[in-house]
Protein backbone atom coordinates (compact mmCIF):
# COMPACT_ATOMS: atom_id res chain seq x y z
CA MET A 1 -14.85 50.00 21.81
CA VAL A 2 -14.57 49.93 18.03
CA VAL A 3 -14.90 52.93 15.71
CA GLU A 4 -16.12 52.32 12.17
CA PRO A 5 -14.56 52.73 9.72
CA GLY A 6 -11.02 52.29 11.03
CA GLU A 7 -9.57 54.19 8.06
CA LEU A 8 -11.11 56.79 5.80
CA THR A 9 -10.05 59.00 2.88
CA LEU A 10 -11.90 62.24 2.13
CA SER A 11 -11.41 65.24 -0.12
CA ILE A 12 -11.20 68.75 1.31
CA GLY A 13 -14.74 69.94 2.08
CA GLU A 14 -16.29 66.48 2.39
CA SER A 15 -17.97 65.33 5.57
CA THR A 16 -19.35 62.10 7.01
CA ARG A 17 -20.35 60.52 10.29
CA LEU A 18 -18.35 57.84 12.09
CA SER A 19 -20.03 55.19 14.21
CA TYR A 20 -18.89 53.06 17.14
CA LYS A 21 -19.72 49.90 19.04
CA LEU A 22 -19.21 49.58 22.77
CA LEU A 23 -17.13 46.50 23.51
CA PRO A 24 -16.73 44.39 25.56
CA GLU A 25 -20.30 43.38 26.19
CA GLY A 26 -21.63 44.78 29.43
CA VAL A 27 -20.01 48.22 29.24
CA THR A 28 -22.42 50.42 31.16
CA SER A 29 -20.99 53.91 30.63
CA THR A 30 -22.40 55.81 27.68
CA ALA A 31 -20.31 58.98 28.09
CA VAL A 32 -18.70 58.87 24.64
CA LYS A 33 -16.14 61.54 23.74
CA TRP A 34 -14.80 62.38 20.28
CA ALA A 35 -11.47 64.13 19.62
CA THR A 36 -9.18 64.95 16.70
CA SER A 37 -5.41 64.83 16.74
CA ASP A 38 -5.25 67.88 14.42
CA SER A 39 -8.20 70.26 14.22
CA THR A 40 -6.64 72.08 11.25
CA ILE A 41 -6.96 68.92 9.12
CA VAL A 42 -10.23 67.37 10.27
CA SER A 43 -12.91 68.53 12.71
CA VAL A 44 -15.21 66.29 14.74
CA THR A 45 -18.45 66.99 16.61
CA ASN A 46 -19.68 65.34 19.80
CA LYS A 47 -21.92 63.16 17.61
CA GLY A 48 -19.07 61.80 15.44
CA TYR A 49 -19.58 64.00 12.38
CA ILE A 50 -16.25 64.82 10.75
CA GLU A 51 -15.32 67.42 8.14
CA ALA A 52 -12.18 67.49 5.98
CA LEU A 53 -10.58 70.92 6.35
CA ASP A 54 -7.08 70.65 4.89
CA TYR A 55 -4.67 68.22 3.22
CA GLY A 56 -2.96 65.68 5.51
CA THR A 57 -3.64 62.86 7.95
CA ALA A 58 -5.17 63.02 11.42
CA ASN A 59 -6.64 60.62 13.93
CA ILE A 60 -10.19 60.74 15.20
CA ILE A 61 -10.33 59.21 18.67
CA VAL A 62 -13.55 57.98 20.26
CA SER A 63 -13.44 57.07 23.94
CA CYS A 64 -15.76 55.83 26.63
CA GLY A 65 -14.26 55.45 30.09
CA GLN A 66 -11.08 53.36 29.83
CA PHE A 67 -11.89 52.16 26.30
CA SER A 68 -10.96 53.95 23.06
CA ASP A 69 -10.34 53.41 19.36
CA THR A 70 -9.00 55.48 16.48
CA CYS A 71 -10.00 56.17 12.89
CA VAL A 72 -7.13 57.31 10.67
CA VAL A 73 -8.45 60.00 8.33
CA THR A 74 -6.48 61.00 5.24
CA ILE A 75 -7.50 64.19 3.48
CA LYS A 76 -6.53 64.44 -0.16
CA THR A 77 -6.59 67.47 -2.40
CA TYR A 78 -9.18 67.83 -5.14
CA TYR A 79 -6.58 66.79 -7.71
CA GLU A 80 -5.51 63.48 -6.18
CA ASN A 81 -7.10 60.21 -7.29
């Protein structure tokens, strides 16, 4: 399983959708689960939509059976470039 993108930087209040590919070929399970390592920094829905809530870094984990991958999400303040 591969989540895309693998890294992402957002500003507080921004949102986007992550995508994934099931690897290796032949994976039959489609029960995909999304999770965040810190729900105070970034939220995630069961469809992979994420929203930047507060400054910091958190991981978004997508899993399917024994396979998983992580997107590292960094949330910057409005004033950072």
